[in-house]
Amino acid sequence: MKRNQNLVTLSWEHHDGLVVAFRLQQGLKNNIRLPDLSGYILFSWEQVLQRHFWQEEQVVHPHLKHTREGRNAVGRMMNDHNHFRELIDAFKKGQPTGERIDSFIDLLNTHIRFEERKLFPMLENQCSTGELTNIGDFLRQHHPSACADYPHKFWRKS
């Protein structure tokens, strides 16, 4: 799907999020210790996801709050973000369970697909060229780097 150039950094980060989910799935499949997987989740949260959610909240809500469909989409985005924060709090408290990690993986996959298939196309359709340019400038200014430098490559087969 062709993404407006001004939203492309968010889509790149979504790709990185799908990689995080895949790595966690591989870790579960390879019976990696839950605290190690939780550590990777927290690393990903601190390095990319937390800022990514903040960026989305800054640029999406103001532009989609004017229609019922937009408010519903923003509501779903915010509910998902809040669910992520609840999961992160549990991981920070040292409560990694297989169920929580599965929930994180599932939420990450469905959340990204929702935003790519519904939320971003809505944003592209409802924003003017100038608004999209302003969004792009903001996103490029606040673009985090990917989580590729995590030291424990648990997702690789030994």
N, C-alpha and C. Protein backbone atom coordinates (compact mmCIF):
# COMPACT_ATOMS: atom_id res chain seq x y z
N MET A 1 0.84 -1.17 0.00
CA MET A 1 0.00 0.00 0.00
C MET A 1 0.89 1.24 0.00
N LYS A 2 0.62 2.15 -0.91
CA LYS A 2 1.40 3.38 -1.00
C LYS A 2 0.98 4.34 0.10
N ARG A 3 1.95 4.76 0.88
CA ARG A 3 1.70 5.65 2.01
C ARG A 3 2.16 7.05 1.65
N ASN A 4 1.40 8.06 2.05
CA ASN A 4 1.81 9.44 1.85
C ASN A 4 3.20 9.63 2.45
N GLN A 5 4.07 10.31 1.71
CA GLN A 5 5.46 10.48 2.15
C GLN A 5 5.58 11.12 3.52
N ASN A 6 4.58 11.89 3.93
CA ASN A 6 4.64 12.56 5.22
C ASN A 6 4.30 11.65 6.40
N LEU A 7 3.74 10.48 6.11
CA LEU A 7 3.42 9.52 7.16
C LEU A 7 4.34 8.31 7.12
N VAL A 8 5.28 8.31 6.20
CA VAL A 8 6.10 7.13 5.97
C VAL A 8 6.96 6.75 7.19
N THR A 9 7.39 7.72 7.99
CA THR A 9 8.20 7.33 9.16
C THR A 9 7.38 6.49 10.13
N LEU A 10 6.08 6.79 10.25
CA LEU A 10 5.22 5.97 11.12
C LEU A 10 5.09 4.56 10.54
N SER A 11 4.98 4.45 9.23
CA SER A 11 4.89 3.13 8.61
C SER A 11 6.19 2.35 8.76
N TRP A 12 7.32 3.03 8.69
CA TRP A 12 8.60 2.35 8.93
C TRP A 12 8.64 1.80 10.35
N GLU A 13 8.17 2.62 11.29
CA GLU A 13 8.14 2.17 12.68
C GLU A 13 7.16 1.01 12.86
N HIS A 14 6.09 1.02 12.07
CA HIS A 14 5.16 -0.12 12.12
C HIS A 14 5.85 -1.38 11.63
N HIS A 15 6.65 -1.25 10.59
CA HIS A 15 7.41 -2.41 10.13
C HIS A 15 8.31 -2.92 11.25
N ASP A 16 8.98 -1.99 11.92
CA ASP A 16 9.84 -2.38 13.04
C ASP A 16 9.03 -3.06 14.13
N GLY A 17 7.81 -2.59 14.38
CA GLY A 17 6.93 -3.21 15.37
C GLY A 17 6.56 -4.62 15.00
N LEU A 18 6.31 -4.86 13.72
CA LEU A 18 6.01 -6.22 13.27
C LEU A 18 7.22 -7.13 13.44
N VAL A 19 8.41 -6.58 13.26
CA VAL A 19 9.64 -7.35 13.50
C VAL A 19 9.74 -7.71 14.99
N VAL A 20 9.43 -6.76 15.86
CA VAL A 20 9.43 -7.03 17.31
C VAL A 20 8.48 -8.19 17.61
N ALA A 21 7.27 -8.13 17.06
CA ALA A 21 6.28 -9.19 17.30
C ALA A 21 6.80 -10.54 16.79
N PHE A 22 7.38 -10.54 15.61
CA PHE A 22 7.92 -11.78 15.05
C PHE A 22 9.04 -12.35 15.93
N ARG A 23 9.93 -11.48 16.38
CA ARG A 23 11.03 -11.94 17.22
C ARG A 23 10.50 -12.55 18.52
N LEU A 24 9.48 -11.92 19.10
CA LEU A 24 8.90 -12.46 20.32
C LEU A 24 8.24 -13.81 20.07
N GLN A 25 7.57 -13.94 18.93
CA GLN A 25 6.96 -15.24 18.57
C GLN A 25 8.04 -16.31 18.45
N GLN A 26 9.16 -15.95 17.82
CA GLN A 26 10.27 -16.90 17.69
C GLN A 26 10.83 -17.25 19.06
N GLY A 27 10.92 -16.25 19.93
CA GLY A 27 11.41 -16.51 21.28
C GLY A 27 10.53 -17.47 22.04
N LEU A 28 9.21 -17.30 21.93
CA LEU A 28 8.29 -18.24 22.58
C LEU A 28 8.44 -19.64 21.99
N LYS A 29 8.54 -19.69 20.66
CA LYS A 29 8.69 -20.97 19.97
C LYS A 29 9.98 -21.68 20.38
N ASN A 30 11.03 -20.90 20.65
CA ASN A 30 12.33 -21.46 21.03
C ASN A 30 12.47 -21.62 22.54
N ASN A 31 11.36 -21.46 23.27
CA ASN A 31 11.34 -21.63 24.73
C ASN A 31 12.34 -20.72 25.46
N ILE A 32 12.45 -19.48 24.98
CA ILE A 32 13.31 -18.51 25.65
C ILE A 32 12.64 -18.11 26.96
N ARG A 33 13.44 -17.89 27.98
CA ARG A 33 12.91 -17.52 29.29
C ARG A 33 12.04 -16.26 29.20
N LEU A 34 10.90 -16.29 29.90
CA LEU A 34 9.97 -15.17 29.86
C LEU A 34 10.60 -13.85 30.31
N PRO A 35 11.44 -13.84 31.35
CA PRO A 35 12.08 -12.57 31.71
C PRO A 35 12.96 -11.99 30.59
N ASP A 36 13.56 -12.86 29.78
CA ASP A 36 14.36 -12.37 28.65
C ASP A 36 13.47 -11.73 27.59
N LEU A 37 12.32 -12.36 27.33
CA LEU A 37 11.37 -11.79 26.36
C LEU A 37 10.80 -10.48 26.89
N SER A 38 10.49 -10.46 28.16
CA SER A 38 10.00 -9.23 28.79
C SER A 38 11.04 -8.12 28.69
N GLY A 39 12.29 -8.46 28.87
CA GLY A 39 13.37 -7.47 28.74
C GLY A 39 13.40 -6.87 27.35
N TYR A 40 13.18 -7.69 26.34
CA TYR A 40 13.15 -7.20 24.96
C TYR A 40 11.94 -6.29 24.74
N ILE A 41 10.81 -6.65 25.31
CA ILE A 41 9.62 -5.81 25.19
C ILE A 41 9.89 -4.45 25.82
N LEU A 42 10.47 -4.44 27.01
CA LEU A 42 10.75 -3.17 27.69
C LEU A 42 11.79 -2.35 26.92
N PHE A 43 12.78 -3.02 26.35
CA PHE A 43 13.78 -2.33 25.53
C PHE A 43 13.10 -1.68 24.32
N SER A 44 12.23 -2.44 23.64
CA SER A 44 11.52 -1.92 22.47
C SER A 44 10.62 -0.76 22.86
N TRP A 45 9.98 -0.87 24.00
CA TRP A 45 9.12 0.20 24.50
C TRP A 45 9.92 1.48 24.72
N GLU A 46 11.03 1.34 25.42
CA GLU A 46 11.83 2.52 25.75
C GLU A 46 12.49 3.14 24.52
N GLN A 47 12.94 2.30 23.60
CA GLN A 47 13.69 2.79 22.44
C GLN A 47 12.80 3.34 21.33
N VAL A 48 11.61 2.75 21.12
CA VAL A 48 10.82 3.13 19.95
C VAL A 48 9.32 3.29 20.24
N LEU A 49 8.72 2.29 20.81
CA LEU A 49 7.26 2.25 20.87
C LEU A 49 6.64 3.40 21.65
N GLN A 50 7.21 3.72 22.80
CA GLN A 50 6.66 4.79 23.62
C GLN A 50 6.61 6.12 22.85
N ARG A 51 7.69 6.46 22.20
CA ARG A 51 7.75 7.70 21.42
C ARG A 51 6.84 7.62 20.20
N HIS A 52 6.78 6.45 19.59
CA HIS A 52 5.90 6.26 18.43
C HIS A 52 4.45 6.55 18.81
N PHE A 53 4.01 6.01 19.94
CA PHE A 53 2.63 6.25 20.39
C PHE A 53 2.40 7.73 20.65
N TRP A 54 3.37 8.37 21.29
CA TRP A 54 3.26 9.80 21.57
C TRP A 54 3.12 10.58 20.26
N GLN A 55 3.93 10.23 19.26
CA GLN A 55 3.85 10.91 17.96
C GLN A 55 2.45 10.76 17.36
N GLU A 56 1.96 9.53 17.36
CA GLU A 56 0.63 9.31 16.80
C GLU A 56 -0.43 10.12 17.54
N GLU A 57 -0.34 10.15 18.85
CA GLU A 57 -1.32 10.89 19.64
C GLU A 57 -1.25 12.39 19.34
N GLN A 58 -0.06 12.89 19.04
CA GLN A 58 0.10 14.31 18.72
C GLN A 58 -0.46 14.67 17.36
N VAL A 59 -0.30 13.79 16.38
CA VAL A 59 -0.68 14.17 15.01
C VAL A 59 -2.03 13.63 14.56
N VAL A 60 -2.46 12.51 15.09
CA VAL A 60 -3.70 11.90 14.59
C VAL A 60 -4.93 12.58 15.19
N HIS A 61 -4.97 12.67 16.49
CA HIS A 61 -6.17 13.19 17.16
C HIS A 61 -6.61 14.56 16.64
N PRO A 62 -5.72 15.54 16.56
CA PRO A 62 -6.17 16.87 16.11
C PRO A 62 -6.79 16.88 14.71
N HIS A 63 -6.39 15.95 13.87
CA HIS A 63 -6.86 15.96 12.49
C HIS A 63 -8.08 15.06 12.26
N LEU A 64 -8.35 14.16 13.17
CA LEU A 64 -9.48 13.25 12.96
C LEU A 64 -10.63 13.47 13.94
N LYS A 65 -10.52 14.44 14.82
CA LYS A 65 -11.54 14.64 15.84
C LYS A 65 -12.82 15.28 15.29
N HIS A 66 -12.84 15.68 14.04
CA HIS A 66 -13.95 16.44 13.48
C HIS A 66 -15.09 15.58 12.93
N THR A 67 -14.85 14.28 12.78
CA THR A 67 -15.92 13.40 12.28
C THR A 67 -16.13 12.25 13.26
N ARG A 68 -17.33 11.68 13.22
CA ARG A 68 -17.62 10.55 14.10
C ARG A 68 -16.70 9.38 13.79
N GLU A 69 -16.53 9.11 12.50
CA GLU A 69 -15.64 8.01 12.10
C GLU A 69 -14.21 8.25 12.60
N GLY A 70 -13.76 9.49 12.50
CA GLY A 70 -12.43 9.84 12.97
C GLY A 70 -12.31 9.70 14.48
N ARG A 71 -13.32 10.18 15.21
CA ARG A 71 -13.28 10.05 16.68
C ARG A 71 -13.30 8.59 17.09
N ASN A 72 -14.06 7.76 16.39
CA ASN A 72 -14.09 6.32 16.70
C ASN A 72 -12.72 5.69 16.45
N ALA A 73 -12.09 6.07 15.35
CA ALA A 73 -10.76 5.51 15.03
C ALA A 73 -9.73 5.97 16.06
N VAL A 74 -9.79 7.24 16.44
CA VAL A 74 -8.88 7.75 17.46
C VAL A 74 -9.14 7.05 18.79
N GLY A 75 -10.42 6.81 19.10
CA GLY A 75 -10.76 6.09 20.33
C GLY A 75 -10.15 4.71 20.36
N ARG A 76 -10.22 4.01 19.23
CA ARG A 76 -9.61 2.67 19.18
C ARG A 76 -8.10 2.77 19.34
N MET A 77 -7.48 3.74 18.66
CA MET A 77 -6.04 3.91 18.78
C MET A 77 -5.66 4.15 20.25
N MET A 78 -6.39 5.04 20.91
CA MET A 78 -6.08 5.36 22.31
C MET A 78 -6.33 4.17 23.23
N ASN A 79 -7.40 3.42 22.99
CA ASN A 79 -7.64 2.21 23.79
C ASN A 79 -6.50 1.23 23.65
N ASP A 80 -6.04 1.03 22.41
CA ASP A 80 -4.90 0.14 22.18
C ASP A 80 -3.65 0.66 22.90
N HIS A 81 -3.38 1.95 22.76
CA HIS A 81 -2.19 2.52 23.40
C HIS A 81 -2.26 2.34 24.92
N ASN A 82 -3.43 2.55 25.48
CA ASN A 82 -3.59 2.38 26.93
C ASN A 82 -3.42 0.92 27.34
N HIS A 83 -3.90 0.00 26.51
CA HIS A 83 -3.70 -1.43 26.80
C HIS A 83 -2.21 -1.77 26.78
N PHE A 84 -1.49 -1.22 25.81
CA PHE A 84 -0.03 -1.42 25.78
C PHE A 84 0.61 -0.91 27.07
N ARG A 85 0.19 0.27 27.51
CA ARG A 85 0.78 0.84 28.73
C ARG A 85 0.50 -0.05 29.94
N GLU A 86 -0.68 -0.64 30.01
CA GLU A 86 -1.00 -1.56 31.11
C GLU A 86 -0.09 -2.79 31.06
N LEU A 87 0.11 -3.34 29.86
CA LEU A 87 1.00 -4.49 29.72
C LEU A 87 2.43 -4.12 30.11
N ILE A 88 2.88 -2.96 29.67
CA ILE A 88 4.24 -2.51 29.99
C ILE A 88 4.40 -2.37 31.50
N ASP A 89 3.39 -1.82 32.17
CA ASP A 89 3.45 -1.70 33.63
C ASP A 89 3.63 -3.07 34.28
N ALA A 90 2.91 -4.07 33.79
CA ALA A 90 3.04 -5.43 34.34
C ALA A 90 4.45 -5.97 34.10
N PHE A 91 5.00 -5.74 32.91
CA PHE A 91 6.36 -6.20 32.63
C PHE A 91 7.37 -5.48 33.52
N LYS A 92 7.16 -4.18 33.75
CA LYS A 92 8.07 -3.42 34.62
C LYS A 92 8.02 -3.93 36.05
N LYS A 93 6.89 -4.44 36.46
CA LYS A 93 6.74 -4.98 37.81
C LYS A 93 7.27 -6.40 37.91
N GLY A 94 7.87 -6.90 36.84
CA GLY A 94 8.45 -8.23 36.86
C GLY A 94 7.41 -9.33 36.79
N GLN A 95 6.35 -9.08 36.03
CA GLN A 95 5.26 -10.04 35.91
C GLN A 95 5.12 -10.56 34.48
N PRO A 96 6.20 -11.09 33.90
CA PRO A 96 6.07 -11.62 32.55
C PRO A 96 5.41 -13.00 32.58
N THR A 97 4.36 -13.16 31.87
CA THR A 97 3.74 -14.48 31.72
C THR A 97 3.63 -14.75 30.22
N GLY A 98 3.53 -16.00 29.88
CA GLY A 98 3.34 -16.34 28.47
C GLY A 98 2.08 -15.70 27.92
N GLU A 99 1.03 -15.65 28.74
CA GLU A 99 -0.23 -15.05 28.31
C GLU A 99 -0.06 -13.55 28.03
N ARG A 100 0.68 -12.86 28.90
CA ARG A 100 0.91 -11.42 28.69
C ARG A 100 1.75 -11.18 27.43
N ILE A 101 2.74 -12.01 27.24
CA ILE A 101 3.59 -11.84 26.06
C ILE A 101 2.77 -12.13 24.80
N ASP A 102 1.97 -13.18 24.82
CA ASP A 102 1.06 -13.45 23.69
C ASP A 102 0.12 -12.28 23.45
N SER A 103 -0.41 -11.72 24.52
CA SER A 103 -1.32 -10.58 24.40
C SER A 103 -0.60 -9.39 23.78
N PHE A 104 0.64 -9.15 24.19
CA PHE A 104 1.42 -8.06 23.63
C PHE A 104 1.64 -8.28 22.13
N ILE A 105 2.02 -9.50 21.76
CA ILE A 105 2.26 -9.83 20.35
C ILE A 105 0.99 -9.63 19.53
N ASP A 106 -0.12 -10.18 20.01
CA ASP A 106 -1.39 -10.07 19.28
C ASP A 106 -1.82 -8.61 19.14
N LEU A 107 -1.72 -7.86 20.23
CA LEU A 107 -2.11 -6.46 20.20
C LEU A 107 -1.23 -5.67 19.24
N LEU A 108 0.07 -5.94 19.26
CA LEU A 108 0.98 -5.23 18.37
C LEU A 108 0.63 -5.50 16.91
N ASN A 109 0.38 -6.75 16.57
CA ASN A 109 0.03 -7.10 15.20
C ASN A 109 -1.30 -6.47 14.77
N THR A 110 -2.33 -6.60 15.59
CA THR A 110 -3.65 -6.07 15.19
C THR A 110 -3.67 -4.54 15.20
N HIS A 111 -2.97 -3.95 16.15
CA HIS A 111 -2.92 -2.48 16.22
C HIS A 111 -2.24 -1.90 14.98
N ILE A 112 -1.12 -2.46 14.60
CA ILE A 112 -0.41 -1.97 13.42
C ILE A 112 -1.26 -2.14 12.17
N ARG A 113 -1.89 -3.27 12.02
CA ARG A 113 -2.71 -3.48 10.83
C ARG A 113 -3.90 -2.52 10.80
N PHE A 114 -4.52 -2.27 11.95
CA PHE A 114 -5.61 -1.30 12.01
C PHE A 114 -5.13 0.07 11.55
N GLU A 115 -4.01 0.52 12.09
CA GLU A 115 -3.54 1.85 11.73
C GLU A 115 -3.16 1.94 10.26
N GLU A 116 -2.49 0.92 9.74
CA GLU A 116 -2.07 0.96 8.34
C GLU A 116 -3.26 0.86 7.37
N ARG A 117 -4.26 0.07 7.73
CA ARG A 117 -5.38 -0.17 6.82
C ARG A 117 -6.54 0.80 6.98
N LYS A 118 -6.72 1.35 8.17
CA LYS A 118 -7.88 2.21 8.44
C LYS A 118 -7.48 3.63 8.85
N LEU A 119 -6.68 3.73 9.90
CA LEU A 119 -6.39 5.04 10.49
C LEU A 119 -5.59 5.94 9.55
N PHE A 120 -4.50 5.44 9.02
CA PHE A 120 -3.66 6.28 8.16
C PHE A 120 -4.36 6.66 6.86
N PRO A 121 -5.06 5.74 6.19
CA PRO A 121 -5.80 6.17 5.00
C PRO A 121 -6.84 7.25 5.32
N MET A 122 -7.47 7.15 6.49
CA MET A 122 -8.43 8.17 6.91
C MET A 122 -7.72 9.51 7.08
N LEU A 123 -6.56 9.48 7.71
CA LEU A 123 -5.78 10.69 7.91
C LEU A 123 -5.37 11.29 6.56
N GLU A 124 -4.91 10.46 5.65
CA GLU A 124 -4.51 10.93 4.33
C GLU A 124 -5.68 11.57 3.58
N ASN A 125 -6.87 11.01 3.73
CA ASN A 125 -8.04 11.52 3.03
C ASN A 125 -8.61 12.80 3.63
N GLN A 126 -8.44 12.96 4.95
CA GLN A 126 -9.07 14.11 5.61
C GLN A 126 -8.15 15.31 5.79
N CYS A 127 -6.86 15.13 5.55
CA CYS A 127 -5.92 16.24 5.73
C CYS A 127 -5.60 16.90 4.39
N SER A 128 -5.39 18.20 4.46
CA SER A 128 -4.93 18.93 3.28
C SER A 128 -3.45 18.63 3.06
N THR A 129 -2.96 19.02 1.91
CA THR A 129 -1.54 18.83 1.60
C THR A 129 -0.67 19.57 2.63
N GLY A 130 -1.07 20.78 3.00
CA GLY A 130 -0.32 21.54 3.99
C GLY A 130 -0.31 20.88 5.35
N GLU A 131 -1.47 20.32 5.76
CA GLU A 131 -1.54 19.63 7.04
C GLU A 131 -0.64 18.39 7.04
N LEU A 132 -0.66 17.64 5.94
CA LEU A 132 0.20 16.46 5.84
C LEU A 132 1.67 16.85 5.86
N THR A 133 2.01 17.96 5.22
CA THR A 133 3.40 18.43 5.24
C THR A 133 3.82 18.78 6.67
N ASN A 134 2.95 19.46 7.41
CA ASN A 134 3.26 19.80 8.81
C ASN A 134 3.42 18.54 9.65
N ILE A 135 2.56 17.55 9.42
CA ILE A 135 2.67 16.27 10.13
C ILE A 135 4.02 15.63 9.82
N GLY A 136 4.37 15.59 8.54
CA GLY A 136 5.64 15.00 8.12
C GLY A 136 6.83 15.68 8.76
N ASP A 137 6.81 17.02 8.81
CA ASP A 137 7.90 17.76 9.45
C ASP A 137 8.03 17.37 10.92
N PHE A 138 6.90 17.31 11.61
CA PHE A 138 6.89 16.94 13.03
C PHE A 138 7.44 15.53 13.22
N LEU A 139 6.98 14.59 12.40
CA LEU A 139 7.40 13.19 12.55
C LEU A 139 8.89 13.01 12.26
N ARG A 140 9.39 13.66 11.24
CA ARG A 140 10.82 13.53 10.92
C ARG A 140 11.67 14.11 12.06
N GLN A 141 11.19 15.15 12.70
CA GLN A 141 11.91 15.77 13.81
C GLN A 141 11.97 14.84 15.02
N HIS A 142 10.99 13.96 15.18
CA HIS A 142 10.89 13.12 16.37
C HIS A 142 11.03 11.63 16.06
N HIS A 143 11.69 11.29 14.96
CA HIS A 143 11.78 9.89 14.53
C HIS A 143 12.82 9.13 15.34
N PRO A 144 12.40 8.08 16.09
CA PRO A 144 13.37 7.26 16.83
C PRO A 144 14.04 6.24 15.92
N SER A 145 15.14 5.69 16.38
CA SER A 145 15.82 4.64 15.62
C SER A 145 15.22 3.28 15.96
N ALA A 146 15.47 2.32 15.12
CA ALA A 146 14.92 0.97 15.29
C ALA A 146 15.63 0.22 16.41
N CYS A 147 15.02 -0.90 16.81
CA CYS A 147 15.53 -1.71 17.93
C CYS A 147 16.49 -2.80 17.46
N ALA A 148 17.23 -2.58 16.43
CA ALA A 148 18.07 -3.63 15.88
C ALA A 148 19.28 -3.95 16.75
N ASP A 149 19.61 -3.07 17.68
CA ASP A 149 20.84 -3.26 18.44
C ASP A 149 20.63 -3.96 19.78
N TYR A 150 19.54 -4.69 19.94
CA TYR A 150 19.32 -5.43 21.17
C TYR A 150 20.39 -6.52 21.27
N PRO A 151 21.12 -6.60 22.38
CA PRO A 151 22.29 -7.48 22.44
C PRO A 151 22.01 -8.98 22.39
N HIS A 152 20.88 -9.41 22.89
CA HIS A 152 20.58 -10.84 22.95
C HIS A 152 19.67 -11.20 21.77
N LYS A 153 20.22 -11.86 20.78
CA LYS A 153 19.48 -12.21 19.55
C LYS A 153 18.73 -13.53 19.74
N PHE A 154 17.83 -13.56 20.70
CA PHE A 154 17.12 -14.78 21.08
C PHE A 154 16.26 -15.36 19.96
N TRP A 155 15.91 -14.57 18.99
CA TRP A 155 15.03 -15.01 17.90
C TRP A 155 15.77 -15.84 16.86
N ARG A 156 17.08 -15.86 16.93
CA ARG A 156 17.87 -16.67 15.98
C ARG A 156 18.04 -18.07 16.54
N LYS A 157 18.01 -19.03 15.66
CA LYS A 157 18.27 -20.41 16.09
C LYS A 157 19.75 -20.57 16.36
N SER A 158 20.07 -21.30 17.41
CA SER A 158 21.47 -21.52 17.77
C SER A 158 22.07 -22.63 16.94
